[in-house]
């Protein structure tokens, strides 16, 4: 029953909250890649990040990597209202399955959005999955962040951020970058540094 009620209400809440806020977009001069790419974002910032993708690449196909837990199901259903598809699983658990599904989506022209510290943390860590996909498929990575001038912050592991109505939202997208040829730990360090630049 929750799966039928929560996602549409959640989508409406997110949309109305976004509309109530002042928005400022800080985008790179370099355009987003024409081919599918990877988006990295912190789990605690997932609430408003869909609007950043819609702003930077309107009309493009996006699939979110979402855990198979019940809360992941709620997120997946809510994301579908934004027009997004999803890959179920995480790079920390069931890695082979989720990699195969990601590769299938990429072949269909989807970019893939991944929270490298999800689904259970530690907060602001980077798991291997995004690097493996980027290097196997030679895909570029773009990092997304947003900051709210006023917000509530939950006491969850990811310190989930909920902007307050009528606050100012600053959205940030990095220029696309490549980790092909880098050692895995070096690539993870670079992704983490890029994601932490705007915090």
N, C-alpha and C. Protein backbone atom coordinates (compact mmCIF):
# COMPACT_ATOMS: atom_id res chain seq x y z
N UNK A 1 0.82 -1.21 0.00
CA UNK A 1 0.00 0.00 0.00
C UNK A 1 0.86 1.27 0.00
N UNK A 2 1.95 1.23 0.78
CA UNK A 2 2.85 2.38 0.83
C UNK A 2 3.41 2.69 -0.55
N UNK A 3 3.70 1.63 -1.33
CA UNK A 3 4.28 1.83 -2.66
C UNK A 3 3.32 2.53 -3.61
N UNK A 4 2.03 2.45 -3.32
CA UNK A 4 1.05 3.13 -4.16
C UNK A 4 0.79 4.56 -3.73
N UNK A 5 1.06 4.86 -2.46
CA UNK A 5 0.72 6.18 -1.91
C UNK A 5 1.93 7.10 -1.80
N UNK A 6 3.03 6.58 -1.24
CA UNK A 6 4.17 7.43 -0.91
C UNK A 6 4.84 8.04 -2.15
N UNK A 7 5.15 7.27 -3.21
CA UNK A 7 5.87 7.87 -4.35
C UNK A 7 5.18 9.06 -5.00
N UNK A 8 3.87 8.99 -5.33
CA UNK A 8 3.27 10.19 -5.95
C UNK A 8 3.20 11.38 -5.00
N UNK A 9 2.96 11.11 -3.71
CA UNK A 9 2.95 12.20 -2.74
C UNK A 9 4.35 12.77 -2.57
N UNK A 10 5.35 11.87 -2.53
CA UNK A 10 6.74 12.30 -2.42
C UNK A 10 7.15 13.15 -3.60
N UNK A 11 6.77 12.72 -4.80
CA UNK A 11 7.10 13.48 -6.00
C UNK A 11 6.47 14.87 -5.96
N UNK A 12 5.20 14.93 -5.58
CA UNK A 12 4.51 16.21 -5.50
C UNK A 12 5.16 17.13 -4.47
N UNK A 13 5.54 16.56 -3.32
CA UNK A 13 6.22 17.34 -2.29
C UNK A 13 7.54 17.90 -2.81
N UNK A 14 8.35 17.05 -3.46
CA UNK A 14 9.64 17.48 -3.97
C UNK A 14 9.46 18.58 -5.02
N UNK A 15 8.50 18.38 -5.91
CA UNK A 15 8.25 19.36 -6.97
C UNK A 15 7.80 20.71 -6.40
N UNK A 16 6.88 20.68 -5.44
CA UNK A 16 6.40 21.93 -4.84
C UNK A 16 7.50 22.62 -4.04
N UNK A 17 8.30 21.82 -3.34
CA UNK A 17 9.40 22.38 -2.57
C UNK A 17 10.39 23.07 -3.50
N UNK A 18 10.71 22.41 -4.59
CA UNK A 18 11.63 22.99 -5.59
C UNK A 18 11.06 24.30 -6.15
N UNK A 19 9.79 24.29 -6.49
CA UNK A 19 9.17 25.49 -7.08
C UNK A 19 9.14 26.66 -6.10
N UNK A 20 9.10 26.36 -4.80
CA UNK A 20 9.05 27.43 -3.80
C UNK A 20 10.40 28.11 -3.60
N UNK A 21 11.46 27.44 -4.03
CA UNK A 21 12.81 27.93 -3.74
C UNK A 21 13.38 28.77 -4.89
N UNK A 22 14.29 29.64 -4.54
CA UNK A 22 15.08 30.35 -5.54
C UNK A 22 16.19 29.41 -6.00
N UNK A 23 16.43 29.33 -7.32
CA UNK A 23 17.43 28.42 -7.85
C UNK A 23 18.58 29.17 -8.50
N UNK A 24 19.79 28.68 -8.25
CA UNK A 24 20.97 29.19 -8.94
C UNK A 24 21.77 27.99 -9.43
N UNK A 25 22.02 27.95 -10.72
CA UNK A 25 22.75 26.83 -11.31
C UNK A 25 24.17 27.27 -11.66
N UNK A 26 25.13 26.49 -11.22
CA UNK A 26 26.55 26.75 -11.48
C UNK A 26 27.05 25.59 -12.35
N UNK A 27 27.05 25.82 -13.66
CA UNK A 27 27.33 24.75 -14.61
C UNK A 27 28.65 24.99 -15.32
N UNK A 28 29.32 23.93 -15.74
CA UNK A 28 30.60 24.09 -16.43
C UNK A 28 30.40 24.65 -17.83
N UNK A 29 31.42 25.31 -18.34
CA UNK A 29 31.35 25.80 -19.72
C UNK A 29 31.35 24.64 -20.71
N UNK A 30 32.06 23.59 -20.35
CA UNK A 30 32.11 22.41 -21.21
C UNK A 30 30.77 21.69 -21.18
N UNK A 31 30.19 21.39 -22.34
CA UNK A 31 28.88 20.72 -22.35
C UNK A 31 28.97 19.29 -21.84
N UNK A 32 27.84 18.75 -21.45
CA UNK A 32 27.79 17.36 -21.04
C UNK A 32 28.09 16.46 -22.25
N UNK A 33 28.68 15.29 -22.02
CA UNK A 33 29.02 14.41 -23.14
C UNK A 33 27.78 14.03 -23.95
N UNK A 34 27.97 13.86 -25.25
CA UNK A 34 26.87 13.40 -26.11
C UNK A 34 26.54 11.94 -25.82
N UNK A 35 27.57 11.15 -25.52
CA UNK A 35 27.37 9.74 -25.23
C UNK A 35 26.98 9.58 -23.76
N UNK A 36 26.47 8.40 -23.37
CA UNK A 36 26.12 8.18 -21.96
C UNK A 36 27.32 8.45 -21.03
N UNK A 37 27.03 8.96 -19.86
CA UNK A 37 28.08 9.25 -18.88
C UNK A 37 27.58 8.86 -17.49
N UNK A 38 28.45 8.96 -16.52
CA UNK A 38 28.12 8.61 -15.14
C UNK A 38 27.97 9.87 -14.30
N UNK A 39 26.96 9.88 -13.46
CA UNK A 39 26.76 10.97 -12.51
C UNK A 39 27.05 10.45 -11.11
N UNK A 40 27.89 11.15 -10.38
CA UNK A 40 28.17 10.81 -8.98
C UNK A 40 27.57 11.89 -8.08
N UNK A 41 26.87 11.46 -7.04
CA UNK A 41 26.28 12.41 -6.09
C UNK A 41 26.24 11.75 -4.72
N UNK A 42 26.28 12.53 -3.67
CA UNK A 42 26.20 11.98 -2.32
C UNK A 42 24.78 11.55 -2.01
N UNK A 43 24.66 10.45 -1.29
CA UNK A 43 23.35 9.88 -0.96
C UNK A 43 22.48 10.89 -0.21
N UNK A 44 23.08 11.69 0.64
CA UNK A 44 22.33 12.66 1.43
C UNK A 44 21.79 13.83 0.63
N UNK A 45 22.17 13.94 -0.66
CA UNK A 45 21.74 15.05 -1.50
C UNK A 45 20.80 14.61 -2.62
N UNK A 46 20.26 13.40 -2.51
CA UNK A 46 19.48 12.84 -3.62
C UNK A 46 18.18 13.60 -3.88
N UNK A 47 17.65 14.29 -2.88
CA UNK A 47 16.30 14.85 -2.99
C UNK A 47 16.13 15.81 -4.16
N UNK A 48 17.10 16.70 -4.36
CA UNK A 48 16.95 17.73 -5.39
C UNK A 48 17.80 17.48 -6.64
N UNK A 49 18.65 16.46 -6.60
CA UNK A 49 19.53 16.21 -7.74
C UNK A 49 18.81 15.90 -9.06
N UNK A 50 17.60 15.30 -9.05
CA UNK A 50 16.93 15.08 -10.34
C UNK A 50 16.76 16.36 -11.17
N UNK A 51 16.56 17.48 -10.50
CA UNK A 51 16.37 18.73 -11.23
C UNK A 51 17.66 19.18 -11.92
N UNK A 52 18.79 18.82 -11.34
CA UNK A 52 20.07 19.19 -11.94
C UNK A 52 20.29 18.41 -13.23
N UNK A 53 19.94 17.13 -13.23
CA UNK A 53 20.06 16.35 -14.47
C UNK A 53 19.10 16.88 -15.53
N UNK A 54 17.87 17.17 -15.15
CA UNK A 54 16.90 17.68 -16.11
C UNK A 54 17.35 19.03 -16.69
N UNK A 55 18.07 19.81 -15.89
CA UNK A 55 18.57 21.11 -16.35
C UNK A 55 19.75 20.95 -17.30
N UNK A 56 20.68 20.05 -16.97
CA UNK A 56 21.91 19.94 -17.75
C UNK A 56 21.72 19.15 -19.04
N UNK A 57 20.86 18.16 -19.02
CA UNK A 57 20.70 17.31 -20.20
C UNK A 57 19.23 17.00 -20.46
N UNK A 58 18.44 17.99 -20.81
CA UNK A 58 17.01 17.74 -21.06
C UNK A 58 16.81 16.75 -22.20
N UNK A 59 15.88 15.84 -21.99
CA UNK A 59 15.55 14.87 -23.03
C UNK A 59 16.44 13.64 -23.06
N UNK A 60 17.48 13.61 -22.23
CA UNK A 60 18.37 12.45 -22.19
C UNK A 60 17.82 11.39 -21.25
N UNK A 61 18.28 10.14 -21.45
CA UNK A 61 17.81 9.03 -20.63
C UNK A 61 18.75 8.82 -19.44
N UNK A 62 18.16 8.69 -18.26
CA UNK A 62 18.94 8.50 -17.03
C UNK A 62 18.38 7.32 -16.25
N UNK A 63 19.27 6.49 -15.72
CA UNK A 63 18.89 5.40 -14.83
C UNK A 63 19.63 5.58 -13.51
N UNK A 64 18.90 5.51 -12.41
CA UNK A 64 19.50 5.62 -11.08
C UNK A 64 19.85 4.24 -10.56
N UNK A 65 21.03 4.10 -9.96
CA UNK A 65 21.38 2.86 -9.28
C UNK A 65 20.80 2.93 -7.87
N UNK A 66 19.86 2.03 -7.59
CA UNK A 66 19.09 2.08 -6.35
C UNK A 66 19.10 0.71 -5.68
N UNK A 67 19.23 0.69 -4.37
CA UNK A 67 19.31 -0.57 -3.63
C UNK A 67 18.01 -1.36 -3.75
N UNK A 68 18.09 -2.66 -3.45
CA UNK A 68 16.92 -3.53 -3.51
C UNK A 68 16.15 -3.56 -2.20
N UNK A 69 16.54 -2.74 -1.23
CA UNK A 69 15.78 -2.65 0.02
C UNK A 69 14.45 -1.95 -0.23
N UNK A 70 13.56 -2.00 0.75
CA UNK A 70 12.24 -1.39 0.60
C UNK A 70 12.34 0.11 0.37
N UNK A 71 13.26 0.78 1.08
CA UNK A 71 13.40 2.22 0.86
C UNK A 71 13.89 2.51 -0.55
N UNK A 72 14.70 1.58 -1.10
CA UNK A 72 15.13 1.72 -2.48
C UNK A 72 13.96 1.62 -3.44
N UNK A 73 13.01 0.75 -3.12
CA UNK A 73 11.80 0.62 -3.95
C UNK A 73 11.00 1.92 -3.95
N UNK A 74 10.90 2.55 -2.78
CA UNK A 74 10.19 3.83 -2.70
C UNK A 74 10.88 4.90 -3.54
N UNK A 75 12.22 4.92 -3.47
CA UNK A 75 12.98 5.90 -4.26
C UNK A 75 12.80 5.63 -5.75
N UNK A 76 12.85 4.35 -6.13
CA UNK A 76 12.71 3.99 -7.54
C UNK A 76 11.36 4.43 -8.09
N UNK A 77 10.31 4.17 -7.32
CA UNK A 77 8.97 4.55 -7.77
C UNK A 77 8.84 6.07 -7.87
N UNK A 78 9.43 6.78 -6.90
CA UNK A 78 9.38 8.25 -6.94
C UNK A 78 10.17 8.78 -8.13
N UNK A 79 11.36 8.18 -8.38
CA UNK A 79 12.20 8.62 -9.50
C UNK A 79 11.50 8.44 -10.84
N UNK A 80 10.64 7.43 -10.92
CA UNK A 80 9.94 7.17 -12.18
C UNK A 80 9.03 8.34 -12.57
N UNK A 81 8.56 9.10 -11.59
CA UNK A 81 7.72 10.26 -11.89
C UNK A 81 8.52 11.39 -12.54
N UNK A 82 9.84 11.37 -12.36
CA UNK A 82 10.71 12.34 -13.03
C UNK A 82 11.08 11.87 -14.44
N UNK A 83 10.64 10.67 -14.81
CA UNK A 83 10.99 10.11 -16.11
C UNK A 83 12.26 9.29 -16.09
N UNK A 84 12.78 8.97 -14.90
CA UNK A 84 14.01 8.20 -14.79
C UNK A 84 13.71 6.71 -14.72
N UNK A 85 14.64 5.92 -15.23
CA UNK A 85 14.61 4.48 -15.06
C UNK A 85 15.54 4.15 -13.89
N UNK A 86 15.75 2.89 -13.62
CA UNK A 86 16.62 2.55 -12.50
C UNK A 86 17.31 1.21 -12.70
N UNK A 87 18.43 1.05 -12.03
CA UNK A 87 19.18 -0.21 -11.94
C UNK A 87 19.10 -0.63 -10.48
N UNK A 88 18.58 -1.82 -10.22
CA UNK A 88 18.40 -2.25 -8.84
C UNK A 88 19.61 -3.01 -8.33
N UNK A 89 20.03 -2.67 -7.12
CA UNK A 89 21.20 -3.28 -6.50
C UNK A 89 22.20 -2.21 -6.14
N UNK A 90 23.37 -2.63 -5.67
CA UNK A 90 24.42 -1.67 -5.34
C UNK A 90 25.76 -2.29 -5.67
N UNK A 91 26.76 -1.43 -5.80
CA UNK A 91 28.10 -1.92 -6.13
C UNK A 91 28.75 -2.61 -4.94
N UNK A 92 28.13 -2.51 -3.75
CA UNK A 92 28.67 -3.15 -2.56
C UNK A 92 28.09 -4.55 -2.36
N UNK A 93 26.90 -4.80 -2.88
CA UNK A 93 26.23 -6.08 -2.69
C UNK A 93 25.60 -6.50 -4.01
N UNK A 94 25.87 -7.74 -4.43
CA UNK A 94 25.37 -8.19 -5.73
C UNK A 94 26.02 -7.44 -6.86
N UNK A 95 27.34 -7.22 -6.76
CA UNK A 95 28.04 -6.34 -7.69
C UNK A 95 27.96 -6.84 -9.13
N UNK A 96 28.11 -8.15 -9.35
CA UNK A 96 28.11 -8.68 -10.71
C UNK A 96 26.76 -8.41 -11.38
N UNK A 97 25.69 -8.67 -10.64
CA UNK A 97 24.35 -8.45 -11.19
C UNK A 97 24.13 -6.99 -11.56
N UNK A 98 24.50 -6.10 -10.67
CA UNK A 98 24.23 -4.68 -10.92
C UNK A 98 25.13 -4.14 -12.03
N UNK A 99 26.34 -4.67 -12.15
CA UNK A 99 27.22 -4.24 -13.24
C UNK A 99 26.65 -4.67 -14.59
N UNK A 100 26.17 -5.91 -14.67
CA UNK A 100 25.57 -6.39 -15.92
C UNK A 100 24.36 -5.55 -16.31
N UNK A 101 23.52 -5.25 -15.33
CA UNK A 101 22.34 -4.44 -15.59
C UNK A 101 22.73 -3.02 -16.02
N UNK A 102 23.77 -2.47 -15.38
CA UNK A 102 24.25 -1.14 -15.76
C UNK A 102 24.77 -1.14 -17.20
N UNK A 103 25.54 -2.17 -17.55
CA UNK A 103 26.08 -2.25 -18.91
C UNK A 103 24.95 -2.35 -19.94
N UNK A 104 23.89 -3.08 -19.59
CA UNK A 104 22.75 -3.21 -20.50
C UNK A 104 22.08 -1.84 -20.71
N UNK A 105 21.90 -1.10 -19.62
CA UNK A 105 21.28 0.22 -19.73
C UNK A 105 22.15 1.18 -20.54
N UNK A 106 23.45 1.11 -20.32
CA UNK A 106 24.37 1.98 -21.06
C UNK A 106 24.29 1.68 -22.55
N UNK A 107 24.21 0.40 -22.90
CA UNK A 107 24.08 0.00 -24.31
C UNK A 107 22.80 0.53 -24.92
N UNK A 108 21.78 0.75 -24.09
CA UNK A 108 20.50 1.30 -24.56
C UNK A 108 20.51 2.83 -24.59
N UNK A 109 21.65 3.43 -24.24
CA UNK A 109 21.77 4.89 -24.31
C UNK A 109 21.51 5.64 -23.03
N UNK A 110 21.43 4.92 -21.91
CA UNK A 110 21.19 5.56 -20.62
C UNK A 110 22.49 6.03 -19.97
N UNK A 111 22.48 7.21 -19.40
CA UNK A 111 23.50 7.59 -18.42
C UNK A 111 23.10 6.96 -17.09
N UNK A 112 24.08 6.76 -16.21
CA UNK A 112 23.82 6.09 -14.94
C UNK A 112 24.19 7.03 -13.79
N UNK A 113 23.28 7.22 -12.86
CA UNK A 113 23.53 8.05 -11.67
C UNK A 113 23.79 7.14 -10.47
N UNK A 114 24.87 7.40 -9.77
CA UNK A 114 25.30 6.54 -8.66
C UNK A 114 25.65 7.39 -7.46
N UNK A 115 25.15 7.01 -6.29
CA UNK A 115 25.65 7.62 -5.05
C UNK A 115 26.73 6.68 -4.52
N UNK A 116 28.00 7.05 -4.67
CA UNK A 116 29.09 6.11 -4.34
C UNK A 116 29.21 5.80 -2.86
N UNK A 117 28.52 6.57 -2.00
CA UNK A 117 28.53 6.23 -0.57
C UNK A 117 27.27 5.47 -0.16
N UNK A 118 26.38 5.17 -1.11
CA UNK A 118 25.16 4.43 -0.80
C UNK A 118 25.35 2.93 -0.99
N UNK A 119 24.38 2.13 -0.50
CA UNK A 119 23.16 2.56 0.18
C UNK A 119 23.29 2.70 1.69
N UNK A 120 24.43 2.30 2.28
CA UNK A 120 24.53 2.29 3.74
C UNK A 120 25.77 2.99 4.28
N UNK A 121 26.53 3.64 3.43
CA UNK A 121 27.70 4.37 3.90
C UNK A 121 28.97 3.55 3.90
N UNK A 122 30.01 4.06 4.54
CA UNK A 122 30.08 5.29 5.34
C UNK A 122 29.83 6.55 4.50
N UNK A 123 29.34 7.56 5.17
CA UNK A 123 29.04 8.82 4.51
C UNK A 123 30.28 9.39 3.84
N UNK A 124 30.09 9.87 2.62
CA UNK A 124 31.13 10.50 1.82
C UNK A 124 32.31 9.57 1.53
N UNK A 125 32.01 8.27 1.42
CA UNK A 125 33.00 7.31 0.94
C UNK A 125 32.69 7.01 -0.52
N UNK A 126 33.64 6.40 -1.22
CA UNK A 126 33.44 6.05 -2.63
C UNK A 126 33.70 4.56 -2.80
N UNK A 127 32.66 3.82 -3.17
CA UNK A 127 32.80 2.39 -3.44
C UNK A 127 33.40 2.18 -4.82
N UNK A 128 33.77 0.93 -5.10
CA UNK A 128 34.47 0.62 -6.35
C UNK A 128 33.61 0.75 -7.59
N UNK A 129 32.29 0.56 -7.45
CA UNK A 129 31.43 0.37 -8.61
C UNK A 129 31.53 1.43 -9.67
N UNK A 130 31.50 2.69 -9.29
CA UNK A 130 31.51 3.76 -10.28
C UNK A 130 32.81 3.77 -11.07
N UNK A 131 33.91 3.43 -10.41
CA UNK A 131 35.20 3.38 -11.10
C UNK A 131 35.24 2.20 -12.07
N UNK A 132 34.75 1.05 -11.62
CA UNK A 132 34.73 -0.14 -12.48
C UNK A 132 33.93 0.13 -13.75
N UNK A 133 32.74 0.72 -13.60
CA UNK A 133 31.91 1.02 -14.77
C UNK A 133 32.59 2.03 -15.68
N UNK A 134 33.12 3.09 -15.10
CA UNK A 134 33.76 4.14 -15.89
C UNK A 134 34.94 3.59 -16.70
N UNK A 135 35.73 2.72 -16.08
CA UNK A 135 36.91 2.20 -16.76
C UNK A 135 36.57 1.11 -17.76
N UNK A 136 35.61 0.25 -17.42
CA UNK A 136 35.22 -0.82 -18.34
C UNK A 136 34.59 -0.25 -19.60
N UNK A 137 33.76 0.77 -19.44
CA UNK A 137 33.02 1.34 -20.57
C UNK A 137 33.63 2.64 -21.08
N UNK A 138 34.76 3.05 -20.51
CA UNK A 138 35.43 4.29 -20.92
C UNK A 138 34.47 5.48 -20.93
N UNK A 139 33.77 5.62 -19.81
CA UNK A 139 32.77 6.68 -19.67
C UNK A 139 33.31 7.83 -18.84
N UNK A 140 32.86 9.01 -19.15
CA UNK A 140 33.22 10.18 -18.35
C UNK A 140 32.30 10.27 -17.14
N UNK A 141 32.77 10.98 -16.13
CA UNK A 141 32.03 11.16 -14.88
C UNK A 141 31.76 12.64 -14.68
N UNK A 142 30.58 12.94 -14.18
CA UNK A 142 30.21 14.30 -13.77
C UNK A 142 29.72 14.22 -12.33
N UNK A 143 30.17 15.13 -11.48
CA UNK A 143 29.68 15.15 -10.10
C UNK A 143 28.60 16.21 -9.94
N UNK A 144 27.59 15.87 -9.15
CA UNK A 144 26.49 16.78 -8.83
C UNK A 144 26.49 17.09 -7.34
N UNK A 145 26.25 18.33 -7.01
CA UNK A 145 26.03 18.75 -5.63
C UNK A 145 24.93 19.81 -5.61
N UNK A 146 24.28 19.94 -4.48
CA UNK A 146 23.46 21.13 -4.26
C UNK A 146 23.59 21.56 -2.81
N UNK A 147 23.40 22.84 -2.58
CA UNK A 147 23.43 23.40 -1.23
C UNK A 147 22.18 24.25 -1.04
N UNK A 148 21.56 24.10 0.11
CA UNK A 148 20.38 24.89 0.45
C UNK A 148 20.77 25.94 1.49
N UNK A 149 20.26 27.14 1.33
CA UNK A 149 20.58 28.20 2.29
C UNK A 149 19.98 27.92 3.66
N UNK A 150 18.83 27.24 3.67
CA UNK A 150 18.19 26.82 4.93
C UNK A 150 17.66 25.41 4.73
N UNK A 151 17.86 24.56 5.71
CA UNK A 151 17.47 23.16 5.52
C UNK A 151 17.33 22.44 6.86
N UNK A 152 16.64 21.31 6.78
CA UNK A 152 16.64 20.34 7.87
C UNK A 152 17.64 19.25 7.52
N UNK A 153 18.31 18.71 8.52
CA UNK A 153 19.25 17.61 8.27
C UNK A 153 18.92 16.46 9.21
N UNK A 154 18.61 15.32 8.63
CA UNK A 154 18.23 14.16 9.42
C UNK A 154 19.44 13.57 10.14
N UNK A 155 19.17 12.79 11.17
CA UNK A 155 20.25 12.14 11.93
C UNK A 155 20.55 10.75 11.38
N UNK A 156 20.27 10.54 10.11
CA UNK A 156 20.57 9.28 9.44
C UNK A 156 22.06 9.20 9.12
N UNK A 157 22.52 8.02 8.69
CA UNK A 157 23.95 7.84 8.41
C UNK A 157 24.45 8.82 7.35
N UNK A 158 23.56 9.19 6.38
CA UNK A 158 23.97 10.07 5.29
C UNK A 158 23.73 11.55 5.57
N UNK A 159 23.17 11.84 6.78
CA UNK A 159 22.85 13.23 7.15
C UNK A 159 21.99 13.88 6.06
N UNK A 160 20.91 13.19 5.71
CA UNK A 160 20.04 13.55 4.60
C UNK A 160 19.53 14.99 4.73
N UNK A 161 19.64 15.73 3.63
CA UNK A 161 19.30 17.16 3.61
C UNK A 161 17.92 17.37 2.98
N UNK A 162 17.07 18.11 3.68
CA UNK A 162 15.76 18.52 3.15
C UNK A 162 15.72 20.05 3.16
N UNK A 163 15.76 20.68 2.00
CA UNK A 163 15.70 22.14 1.98
C UNK A 163 14.40 22.66 2.59
N UNK A 164 14.48 23.80 3.23
CA UNK A 164 13.27 24.43 3.75
C UNK A 164 12.59 25.21 2.64
N UNK A 165 11.27 25.28 2.67
CA UNK A 165 10.55 26.05 1.64
C UNK A 165 11.07 27.49 1.56
N UNK A 166 11.13 28.01 0.35
CA UNK A 166 11.51 29.40 0.06
C UNK A 166 12.98 29.68 0.37
N UNK A 167 13.78 28.64 0.51
CA UNK A 167 15.22 28.84 0.66
C UNK A 167 15.85 29.01 -0.72
N UNK A 168 17.15 29.22 -0.76
CA UNK A 168 17.88 29.33 -2.02
C UNK A 168 18.66 28.04 -2.26
N UNK A 169 18.51 27.49 -3.45
CA UNK A 169 19.22 26.26 -3.81
C UNK A 169 20.31 26.59 -4.81
N UNK A 170 21.54 26.24 -4.47
CA UNK A 170 22.66 26.37 -5.40
C UNK A 170 23.01 24.99 -5.92
N UNK A 171 22.90 24.82 -7.23
CA UNK A 171 23.19 23.54 -7.87
C UNK A 171 24.55 23.62 -8.57
N UNK A 172 25.34 22.56 -8.43
CA UNK A 172 26.68 22.52 -9.03
C UNK A 172 26.85 21.24 -9.84
N UNK A 173 27.37 21.38 -11.05
CA UNK A 173 27.77 20.22 -11.86
C UNK A 173 29.22 20.44 -12.28
N UNK A 174 30.03 19.41 -12.13
CA UNK A 174 31.44 19.53 -12.52
C UNK A 174 31.57 19.38 -14.03
N UNK A 175 32.71 19.78 -14.55
CA UNK A 175 33.03 19.45 -15.93
C UNK A 175 33.25 17.94 -16.01
N UNK A 176 32.91 17.31 -17.13
CA UNK A 176 33.15 15.87 -17.27
C UNK A 176 34.63 15.56 -17.12
N UNK A 177 34.93 14.47 -16.42
CA UNK A 177 36.33 14.06 -16.26
C UNK A 177 36.45 12.55 -16.46
N UNK A 178 37.68 12.12 -16.70
CA UNK A 178 37.94 10.74 -17.10
C UNK A 178 38.86 10.08 -16.07
N UNK A 179 38.56 8.83 -15.71
CA UNK A 179 39.43 8.09 -14.78
C UNK A 179 40.05 6.88 -15.48
N UNK A 180 39.89 6.79 -16.79
CA UNK A 180 40.48 5.68 -17.54
C UNK A 180 41.99 5.67 -17.36
N UNK A 181 42.54 4.50 -17.07
CA UNK A 181 43.98 4.37 -16.91
C UNK A 181 44.50 4.67 -15.52
N UNK A 182 43.65 5.17 -14.63
CA UNK A 182 44.07 5.46 -13.26
C UNK A 182 43.97 4.21 -12.40
N UNK A 183 44.80 4.13 -11.37
CA UNK A 183 44.64 3.09 -10.36
C UNK A 183 43.31 3.30 -9.65
N UNK A 184 42.70 2.20 -9.22
CA UNK A 184 41.35 2.29 -8.65
C UNK A 184 41.29 3.24 -7.46
N UNK A 185 42.22 3.13 -6.53
CA UNK A 185 42.18 3.99 -5.35
C UNK A 185 42.42 5.45 -5.72
N UNK A 186 43.27 5.67 -6.71
CA UNK A 186 43.52 7.04 -7.18
C UNK A 186 42.25 7.63 -7.79
N UNK A 187 41.53 6.81 -8.57
CA UNK A 187 40.29 7.28 -9.18
C UNK A 187 39.23 7.57 -8.13
N UNK A 188 39.11 6.70 -7.13
CA UNK A 188 38.14 6.92 -6.05
C UNK A 188 38.46 8.21 -5.30
N UNK A 189 39.73 8.45 -5.07
CA UNK A 189 40.16 9.66 -4.37
C UNK A 189 39.77 10.91 -5.18
N UNK A 190 39.97 10.86 -6.49
CA UNK A 190 39.62 12.00 -7.34
C UNK A 190 38.12 12.27 -7.31
N UNK A 191 37.31 11.21 -7.41
CA UNK A 191 35.85 11.38 -7.38
C UNK A 191 35.42 12.00 -6.06
N UNK A 192 35.98 11.50 -4.96
CA UNK A 192 35.64 12.02 -3.64
C UNK A 192 36.01 13.50 -3.53
N UNK A 193 37.20 13.85 -4.01
CA UNK A 193 37.64 15.25 -3.95
C UNK A 193 36.71 16.15 -4.76
N UNK A 194 36.30 15.69 -5.93
CA UNK A 194 35.38 16.48 -6.76
C UNK A 194 34.04 16.68 -6.05
N UNK A 195 33.54 15.62 -5.39
CA UNK A 195 32.26 15.71 -4.70
C UNK A 195 32.32 16.58 -3.45
N UNK A 196 33.49 16.67 -2.86
CA UNK A 196 33.63 17.45 -1.63
C UNK A 196 33.96 18.92 -1.88
N UNK A 197 34.25 19.28 -3.13
CA UNK A 197 34.65 20.65 -3.44
C UNK A 197 33.60 21.68 -3.06
N UNK A 198 32.32 21.32 -3.18
CA UNK A 198 31.24 22.29 -2.97
C UNK A 198 30.56 22.14 -1.62
N UNK A 199 31.14 21.35 -0.73
CA UNK A 199 30.53 21.18 0.60
C UNK A 199 31.10 22.22 1.56
